[in-house]
Amino acid sequence: MRLIRCPIHILTCLLLWLLACISQGSWVWADEPRDAPAVVEKHSRAFKISIDGTERGTLTMQLTKRDDGTETMRGQAELSFNFIVYKYRYSSSGTEVWKSGRLLRLANEADYNGDKYVVQASAQQQDLAIEVNGESQRTAADVWVTSYWREPEPHKVGQKLSLFDADKGRKLSGTLQRIGKEKLDLEKKTVNATRYQIRGDVEVDLWYDEDQRLMRQHSVESGHRALFELTQIIR
């Protein structure tokens, strides 16, 4: 085997560059600032998605809670429909940051079989600033995003809610009701869940576990029934 001889000045430059990276803390994740608050809770949730009774796709949620009270949800969903002469694809990827029950920041990109939506939102003093495919608008500060990943606060039960569809940037509304406790199966275990309903611009039923996180979602949109079922929790 023949050794390749490198000029000594090249090796010296490489060594100096490596030392600079280490001393400056350059080797960190791009989305993880060095001074980010400490993580106190982190786990992922995997869902299967069925449309009209047929399994069509998946959803994953990465949930992180930090010691400053902020909570982050990173979601990735994909659906696929293969018909005899037609194929339909849907994908969505986004991040939500919350604190004290209020949405602070949101960024989402969705693709409805070629129709693309880029949605961003940021909390302002009195409301929420939204940008959908470059067009600006405003909505209520206490909006609830239709990812529904976190159990609603008790004071919202019986109230008409301002909802926000992160995929298309639509402003919606619906009245929230608490149905009660039910048993759901997860990973060969029986889990206690709390069921809610929202009726209005949306028709959706939601189930949350004792950690106040989404376990199951059933909705009707454009005449089709969509079911999200939690299959795995990875801590």
C-alpha atoms as a PDB file:
ATOM      1  CA  MET A   1       0.000   0.000   0.000  1.00  0.00           C
ATOM      2  CA  ARG A   2       1.415   3.400  -0.967  1.00  0.00           C
ATOM      3  CA  LEU A   3       1.213   6.277   1.485  1.00  0.00           C
ATOM      4  CA  ILE A   4       0.111   9.668   0.199  1.00  0.00           C
ATOM      5  CA  ARG A   5       2.383  12.446   1.432  1.00  0.00           C
ATOM      6  CA  CYS A   6       0.636  15.718   2.251  1.00  0.00           C
ATOM      7  CA  PRO A   7       2.558  18.961   2.417  1.00  0.00           C
ATOM      8  CA  ILE A   8       3.161  19.962   6.022  1.00  0.00           C
ATOM      9  CA  HIS A   9       1.468  23.350   5.591  1.00  0.00           C
ATOM     10  CA  ILE A  10      -1.804  21.684   4.526  1.00  0.00           C
ATOM     11  CA  LEU A  11      -1.815  19.490   7.627  1.00  0.00           C
ATOM     12  CA  THR A  12      -1.080  22.521   9.779  1.00  0.00           C
ATOM     13  CA  CYS A  13      -3.980  24.474   8.269  1.00  0.00           C
ATOM     14  CA  LEU A  14      -6.377  21.583   8.827  1.00  0.00           C
ATOM     15  CA  LEU A  15      -5.297  21.280  12.458  1.00  0.00           C
ATOM     16  CA  LEU A  16      -5.754  24.999  13.065  1.00  0.00           C
ATOM     17  CA  TRP A  17      -9.219  24.909  11.467  1.00  0.00           C
ATOM     18  CA  LEU A  18     -10.292  21.980  13.674  1.00  0.00           C
ATOM     19  CA  LEU A  19      -9.080  23.748  16.799  1.00  0.00           C
ATOM     20  CA  ALA A  20     -10.960  26.889  15.793  1.00  0.00           C
ATOM     21  CA  CYS A  21     -14.186  24.925  15.336  1.00  0.00           C
ATOM     22  CA  ILE A  22     -13.857  23.356  18.764  1.00  0.00           C
ATOM     23  CA  SER A  23     -12.927  26.572  20.558  1.00  0.00           C
ATOM     24  CA  GLN A  24     -15.777  28.525  18.939  1.00  0.00           C
ATOM     25  CA  GLY A  25     -18.354  25.788  19.497  1.00  0.00           C
ATOM     26  CA  SER A  26     -19.081  25.477  15.782  1.00  0.00           C
ATOM     27  CA  TRP A  27     -19.993  21.817  16.039  1.00  0.00           C
ATOM     28  CA  VAL A  28     -23.602  22.219  17.182  1.00  0.00           C
ATOM     29  CA  TRP A  29     -26.865  21.515  15.433  1.00  0.00           C
ATOM     30  CA  ALA A  30     -27.931  24.356  13.155  1.00  0.00           C
ATOM     31  CA  ASP A  31     -31.347  24.532  14.836  1.00  0.00           C
ATOM     32  CA  GLU A  32     -29.950  24.233  18.375  1.00  0.00           C
ATOM     33  CA  PRO A  33     -28.339  27.508  19.563  1.00  0.00           C
ATOM     34  CA  ARG A  34     -25.550  27.154  22.092  1.00  0.00           C
ATOM     35  CA  ASP A  35     -27.448  29.212  24.660  1.00  0.00           C
ATOM     36  CA  ALA A  36     -30.782  27.373  24.190  1.00  0.00           C
ATOM     37  CA  PRO A  37     -32.669  26.644  27.447  1.00  0.00           C
ATOM     38  CA  ALA A  38     -32.141  23.144  28.825  1.00  0.00           C
ATOM     39  CA  VAL A  39     -34.413  20.320  27.661  1.00  0.00           C
ATOM     40  CA  VAL A  40     -36.514  18.854  30.488  1.00  0.00           C
ATOM     41  CA  GLU A  41     -38.704  16.510  28.416  1.00  0.00           C
ATOM     42  CA  LYS A  42     -38.385  15.048  24.940  1.00  0.00           C
ATOM     43  CA  HIS A  43     -40.106  12.249  23.055  1.00  0.00           C
ATOM     44  CA  SER A  44     -41.483  11.274  19.643  1.00  0.00           C
ATOM     45  CA  ARG A  45     -44.911   9.970  18.664  1.00  0.00           C
ATOM     46  CA  ALA A  46     -45.664   7.887  15.584  1.00  0.00           C
ATOM     47  CA  PHE A  47     -49.174   7.705  14.084  1.00  0.00           C
ATOM     48  CA  LYS A  48     -50.731   5.757  11.248  1.00  0.00           C
ATOM     49  CA  ILE A  49     -53.260   7.587   9.095  1.00  0.00           C
ATOM     50  CA  SER A  50     -56.308   5.915   7.566  1.00  0.00           C
ATOM     51  CA  ILE A  51     -58.666   7.532   5.049  1.00  0.00           C
ATOM     52  CA  ASP A  52     -62.146   6.016   4.739  1.00  0.00           C
ATOM     53  CA  GLY A  53     -60.896   2.876   6.498  1.00  0.00           C
ATOM     54  CA  THR A  54     -57.761   2.298   4.396  1.00  0.00           C
ATOM     55  CA  GLU A  55     -54.280   2.987   5.747  1.00  0.00           C
ATOM     56  CA  ARG A  56     -52.749   5.737   3.599  1.00  0.00           C
ATOM     57  CA  GLY A  57     -49.854   7.342   5.445  1.00  0.00           C
ATOM     58  CA  THR A  58     -47.965   8.282   8.584  1.00  0.00           C
ATOM     59  CA  LEU A  59     -47.443  11.190  10.955  1.00  0.00           C
ATOM     60  CA  THR A  60     -44.554  11.713  13.353  1.00  0.00           C
ATOM     61  CA  MET A  61     -44.375  14.329  16.100  1.00  0.00           C
ATOM     62  CA  GLN A  62     -41.216  15.283  17.985  1.00  0.00           C
ATOM     63  CA  LEU A  63     -42.152  17.022  21.238  1.00  0.00           C
ATOM     64  CA  THR A  64     -39.665  19.002  23.328  1.00  0.00           C
ATOM     65  CA  LYS A  65     -40.163  20.954  26.560  1.00  0.00           C
ATOM     66  CA  ARG A  66     -37.506  23.324  27.929  1.00  0.00           C
ATOM     67  CA  ASP A  67     -36.878  24.799  31.351  1.00  0.00           C
ATOM     68  CA  ASP A  68     -38.016  28.262  30.228  1.00  0.00           C
ATOM     69  CA  GLY A  69     -41.534  26.897  29.693  1.00  0.00           C
ATOM     70  CA  THR A  70     -41.429  26.735  25.887  1.00  0.00           C
ATOM     71  CA  GLU A  71     -42.767  23.644  24.118  1.00  0.00           C
ATOM     72  CA  THR A  72     -41.858  22.714  20.549  1.00  0.00           C
ATOM     73  CA  MET A  73     -43.648  20.335  18.203  1.00  0.00           C
ATOM     74  CA  ARG A  74     -41.990  19.254  14.960  1.00  0.00           C
ATOM     75  CA  GLY A  75     -44.398  17.358  12.701  1.00  0.00           C
ATOM     76  CA  GLN A  76     -43.955  15.383   9.481  1.00  0.00           C
ATOM     77  CA  ALA A  77     -46.929  13.839   7.652  1.00  0.00           C
ATOM     78  CA  GLU A  78     -47.218  11.964   4.356  1.00  0.00           C
ATOM     79  CA  LEU A  79     -50.204  10.458   2.534  1.00  0.00           C
ATOM     80  CA  SER A  80     -50.361   8.475  -0.690  1.00  0.00           C
ATOM     81  CA  PHE A  81     -53.375   7.486  -2.830  1.00  0.00           C
ATOM     82  CA  ASN A  82     -52.835   5.145  -5.762  1.00  0.00           C
ATOM     83  CA  PHE A  83     -55.864   4.817  -7.994  1.00  0.00           C
ATOM     84  CA  ILE A  84     -56.037   2.951 -11.301  1.00  0.00           C
ATOM     85  CA  VAL A  85     -55.449   6.001 -13.474  1.00  0.00           C
ATOM     86  CA  TYR A  86     -54.565   8.597 -10.832  1.00  0.00           C
ATOM     87  CA  LYS A  87     -52.043   9.130  -8.054  1.00  0.00           C
ATOM     88  CA  TYR A  88     -52.337  11.673  -5.262  1.00  0.00           C
ATOM     89  CA  ARG A  89     -49.597  12.691  -2.849  1.00  0.00           C
ATOM     90  CA  TYR A  90     -49.729  14.894   0.228  1.00  0.00           C
ATOM     91  CA  SER A  91     -46.916  15.939   2.536  1.00  0.00           C
ATOM     92  CA  SER A  92     -46.538  18.449   5.335  1.00  0.00           C
ATOM     93  CA  SER A  93     -43.598  19.434   7.510  1.00  0.00           C
ATOM     94  CA  GLY A  94     -43.551  22.106  10.177  1.00  0.00           C
ATOM     95  CA  THR A  95     -42.574  23.409  13.596  1.00  0.00           C
ATOM     96  CA  GLU A  96     -44.631  25.084  16.317  1.00  0.00           C
ATOM     97  CA  VAL A  97     -43.252  26.835  19.421  1.00  0.00           C
ATOM     98  CA  TRP A  98     -45.624  27.482  22.340  1.00  0.00           C
ATOM     99  CA  LYS A  99     -45.402  29.031  25.802  1.00  0.00           C
ATOM    100  CA  SER A 100     -48.074  29.425  28.483  1.00  0.00           C
ATOM    101  CA  GLY A 101     -50.742  28.174  26.084  1.00  0.00           C
ATOM    102  CA  ARG A 102     -49.906  30.705  23.357  1.00  0.00           C
ATOM    103  CA  LEU A 103     -48.379  30.088  19.936  1.00  0.00           C
ATOM    104  CA  LEU A 104     -45.118  32.031  19.622  1.00  0.00           C
ATOM    105  CA  ARG A 105     -43.827  30.885  16.236  1.00  0.00           C
ATOM    106  CA  LEU A 106     -44.893  28.579  13.421  1.00  0.00           C
ATOM    107  CA  ALA A 107     -43.321  27.542  10.129  1.00  0.00           C
ATOM    108  CA  ASN A 108     -44.915  24.962   7.826  1.00  0.00           C
ATOM    109  CA  GLU A 109     -44.649  23.741   4.244  1.00  0.00           C
ATOM    110  CA  ALA A 110     -47.352  21.573   2.680  1.00  0.00           C
ATOM    111  CA  ASP A 111     -47.755  20.009  -0.749  1.00  0.00           C
ATOM    112  CA  TYR A 112     -51.216  18.938  -1.933  1.00  0.00           C
ATOM    113  CA  ASN A 113     -50.304  16.951  -5.032  1.00  0.00           C
ATOM    114  CA  GLY A 114     -48.354  19.875  -6.472  1.00  0.00           C
ATOM    115  CA  ASP A 115     -50.272  22.735  -4.856  1.00  0.00           C
ATOM    116  CA  LYS A 116     -47.748  24.132  -2.388  1.00  0.00           C
ATOM    117  CA  TYR A 117     -48.273  26.286   0.678  1.00  0.00           C
ATOM    118  CA  VAL A 118     -45.621  28.029   2.755  1.00  0.00           C
ATOM    119  CA  VAL A 119     -47.029  29.309   6.045  1.00  0.00           C
ATOM    120  CA  GLN A 120     -45.309  31.326   8.761  1.00  0.00           C
ATOM    121  CA  ALA A 121     -46.675  32.913  11.923  1.00  0.00           C
ATOM    122  CA  SER A 122     -45.285  34.901  14.834  1.00  0.00           C
ATOM    123  CA  ALA A 123     -46.868  36.255  17.997  1.00  0.00           C
ATOM    124  CA  GLN A 124     -47.329  40.001  18.238  1.00  0.00           C
ATOM    125  CA  GLN A 125     -48.366  42.021  21.282  1.00  0.00           C
ATOM    126  CA  GLN A 126     -52.089  41.873  20.529  1.00  0.00           C
ATOM    127  CA  ASP A 127     -52.517  39.193  17.848  1.00  0.00           C
ATOM    128  CA  LEU A 128     -50.753  36.699  15.561  1.00  0.00           C
ATOM    129  CA  ALA A 129     -49.065  37.806  12.330  1.00  0.00           C
ATOM    130  CA  ILE A 130     -49.415  35.281   9.494  1.00  0.00           C
ATOM    131  CA  GLU A 131     -47.841  34.985   6.071  1.00  0.00           C
ATOM    132  CA  VAL A 132     -49.240  32.504   3.529  1.00  0.00           C
ATOM    133  CA  ASN A 133     -47.308  32.189   0.260  1.00  0.00           C
ATOM    134  CA  GLY A 134     -46.004  35.721   0.780  1.00  0.00           C
ATOM    135  CA  GLU A 135     -49.369  37.308   1.631  1.00  0.00           C
ATOM    136  CA  SER A 136     -49.799  38.803   5.117  1.00  0.00           C
ATOM    137  CA  GLN A 137     -52.803  38.613   7.424  1.00  0.00           C
ATOM    138  CA  ARG A 138     -53.666  38.635  11.136  1.00  0.00           C
ATOM    139  CA  THR A 139     -55.619  36.425  13.511  1.00  0.00           C
ATOM    140  CA  ALA A 140     -56.398  36.119  17.223  1.00  0.00           C
ATOM    141  CA  ALA A 141     -53.510  35.813  19.692  1.00  0.00           C
ATOM    142  CA  ASP A 142     -55.097  32.795  21.436  1.00  0.00           C
ATOM    143  CA  VAL A 143     -55.510  30.776  18.241  1.00  0.00           C
ATOM    144  CA  TRP A 144     -55.350  26.958  18.448  1.00  0.00           C
ATOM    145  CA  VAL A 145     -53.474  25.229  15.611  1.00  0.00           C
ATOM    146  CA  THR A 146     -55.216  22.247  13.990  1.00  0.00           C
ATOM    147  CA  SER A 147     -52.299  19.913  14.695  1.00  0.00           C
ATOM    148  CA  TYR A 148     -54.164  19.522  18.036  1.00  0.00           C
ATOM    149  CA  TRP A 149     -51.061  17.947  19.597  1.00  0.00           C
ATOM    150  CA  ARG A 150     -51.654  19.258  23.129  1.00  0.00           C
ATOM    151  CA  GLU A 151     -54.784  18.865  25.268  1.00  0.00           C
ATOM    152  CA  PRO A 152     -56.789  22.122  25.469  1.00  0.00           C
ATOM    153  CA  GLU A 153     -56.912  24.127  28.686  1.00  0.00           C
ATOM    154  CA  PRO A 154     -60.052  23.526  30.808  1.00  0.00           C
ATOM    155  CA  HIS A 155     -61.311  27.103  30.377  1.00  0.00           C
ATOM    156  CA  LYS A 156     -61.679  26.527  26.621  1.00  0.00           C
ATOM    157  CA  VAL A 157     -64.302  23.803  27.064  1.00  0.00           C
ATOM    158  CA  GLY A 158     -67.711  25.016  25.931  1.00  0.00           C
ATOM    159  CA  GLN A 159     -66.166  27.978  24.139  1.00  0.00           C
ATOM    160  CA  LYS A 160     -65.998  28.903  20.468  1.00  0.00           C
ATOM    161  CA  LEU A 161     -62.332  28.642  19.483  1.00  0.00           C
ATOM    162  CA  SER A 162     -60.271  30.493  16.905  1.00  0.00           C
ATOM    163  CA  LEU A 163     -58.533  27.755  14.910  1.00  0.00           C
ATOM    164  CA  PHE A 164     -55.661  27.990  12.465  1.00  0.00           C
ATOM    165  CA  ASP A 165     -54.913  25.468   9.718  1.00  0.00           C
ATOM    166  CA  ALA A 166     -51.106  25.451   9.457  1.00  0.00           C
ATOM    167  CA  ASP A 167     -51.132  23.555   6.133  1.00  0.00           C
ATOM    168  CA  LYS A 168     -53.049  26.144   4.104  1.00  0.00           C
ATOM    169  CA  GLY A 169     -53.050  29.138   6.450  1.00  0.00           C
ATOM    170  CA  ARG A 170     -56.831  29.114   6.828  1.00  0.00           C
ATOM    171  CA  LYS A 171     -58.606  30.804   9.739  1.00  0.00           C
ATOM    172  CA  LEU A 172     -61.355  28.565  11.129  1.00  0.00           C
ATOM    173  CA  SER A 173     -63.567  28.304  14.208  1.00  0.00           C
ATOM    174  CA  GLY A 174     -65.393  25.660  16.194  1.00  0.00           C
ATOM    175  CA  THR A 175     -66.930  24.980  19.620  1.00  0.00           C
ATOM    176  CA  LEU A 176     -65.032  22.641  21.954  1.00  0.00           C
ATOM    177  CA  GLN A 177     -66.786  20.072  24.160  1.00  0.00           C
ATOM    178  CA  ARG A 178     -65.334  17.525  26.588  1.00  0.00           C
ATOM    179  CA  ILE A 179     -66.911  14.086  26.127  1.00  0.00           C
ATOM    180  CA  GLY A 180     -65.192  12.181  28.959  1.00  0.00           C
ATOM    181  CA  LYS A 181     -62.812   9.326  29.752  1.00  0.00           C
ATOM    182  CA  GLU A 182     -62.313   6.355  27.427  1.00  0.00           C
ATOM    183  CA  LYS A 183     -59.918   3.410  27.144  1.00  0.00           C
ATOM    184  CA  LEU A 184     -57.533   3.125  24.168  1.00  0.00           C
ATOM    185  CA  ASP A 185     -55.001   0.450  23.264  1.00  0.00           C
ATOM    186  CA  LEU A 186     -51.343   1.374  22.759  1.00  0.00           C
ATOM    187  CA  GLU A 187     -48.419  -1.025  22.369  1.00  0.00           C
ATOM    188  CA  LYS A 188     -50.302  -3.927  23.966  1.00  0.00           C
ATOM    189  CA  LYS A 189     -51.412  -1.748  26.881  1.00  0.00           C
ATOM    190  CA  THR A 190     -54.692  -0.085  27.813  1.00  0.00           C
ATOM    191  CA  VAL A 191     -54.371   3.651  28.292  1.00  0.00           C
ATOM    192  CA  ASN A 192     -56.769   6.126  29.908  1.00  0.00           C
ATOM    193  CA  ALA A 193     -57.700   8.877  27.457  1.00  0.00           C
ATOM    194  CA  THR A 194     -59.854  12.003  27.542  1.00  0.00           C
ATOM    195  CA  ARG A 195     -62.078  12.638  24.541  1.00  0.00           C
ATOM    196  CA  TYR A 196     -63.082  16.010  23.096  1.00  0.00           C
ATOM    197  CA  GLN A 197     -65.156  17.185  20.142  1.00  0.00           C
ATOM    198  CA  ILE A 198     -64.952  20.309  18.007  1.00  0.00           C
ATOM    199  CA  ARG A 199     -67.882  21.258  15.798  1.00  0.00           C
ATOM    200  CA  GLY A 200     -68.117  24.230  13.445  1.00  0.00           C
ATOM    201  CA  ASP A 201     -65.864  24.851  10.453  1.00  0.00           C
ATOM    202  CA  VAL A 202     -64.254  21.529  11.410  1.00  0.00           C
ATOM    203  CA  GLU A 203     -65.712  18.214  12.565  1.00  0.00           C
ATOM    204  CA  VAL A 204     -63.094  16.499  14.687  1.00  0.00           C
ATOM    205  CA  ASP A 205     -62.872  14.174  17.717  1.00  0.00           C
ATOM    206  CA  LEU A 206     -59.669  14.142  19.773  1.00  0.00           C
ATOM    207  CA  TRP A 207     -58.274  11.807  22.446  1.00  0.00           C
ATOM    208  CA  TYR A 208     -55.447  12.745  24.862  1.00  0.00           C
ATOM    209  CA  ASP A 209     -53.447  10.586  27.243  1.00  0.00           C
ATOM    210  CA  GLU A 210     -52.545  11.364  30.857  1.00  0.00           C
ATOM    211  CA  ASP A 211     -49.529  13.365  29.625  1.00  0.00           C
ATOM    212  CA  GLN A 212     -52.011  15.678  27.844  1.00  0.00           C
ATOM    213  CA  ARG A 213     -50.665  14.679  24.423  1.00  0.00           C
ATOM    214  CA  LEU A 214     -52.600  13.548  21.354  1.00  0.00           C
ATOM    215  CA  MET A 215     -53.313   9.824  20.996  1.00  0.00           C
ATOM    216  CA  ARG A 216     -56.082   9.664  18.433  1.00  0.00           C
ATOM    217  CA  GLN A 217     -57.869  11.990  16.020  1.00  0.00           C
ATOM    218  CA  HIS A 218     -60.943  11.392  13.888  1.00  0.00           C
ATOM    219  CA  SER A 219     -62.140  14.055  11.465  1.00  0.00           C
ATOM    220  CA  VAL A 220     -64.363  14.530   8.438  1.00  0.00           C
ATOM    221  CA  GLU A 221     -63.269  16.811   5.603  1.00  0.00           C
ATOM    222  CA  SER A 222     -64.729  17.042   2.096  1.00  0.00           C
ATOM    223  CA  GLY A 223     -66.815  13.980   2.854  1.00  0.00           C
ATOM    224  CA  HIS A 224     -63.828  11.769   3.739  1.00  0.00           C
ATOM    225  CA  ARG A 225     -63.100  10.309   7.162  1.00  0.00           C
ATOM    226  CA  ALA A 226     -59.523  10.598   8.419  1.00  0.00           C
ATOM    227  CA  LEU A 227     -58.280   8.623  11.436  1.00  0.00           C
ATOM    228  CA  PHE A 228     -54.935   9.238  13.162  1.00  0.00           C
ATOM    229  CA  GLU A 229     -53.946   6.453  15.582  1.00  0.00           C
ATOM    230  CA  LEU A 230     -50.916   6.546  17.873  1.00  0.00           C
ATOM    231  CA  THR A 231     -48.785   3.442  17.337  1.00  0.00           C
ATOM    232  CA  GLN A 232     -45.583   4.171  19.250  1.00  0.00           C
ATOM    233  CA  ILE A 233     -44.011   6.526  21.789  1.00  0.00           C
ATOM    234  CA  ILE A 234     -40.224   6.834  21.757  1.00  0.00           C
ATOM    235  CA  ARG A 235     -38.670   8.531  24.787  1.00  0.00           C
END
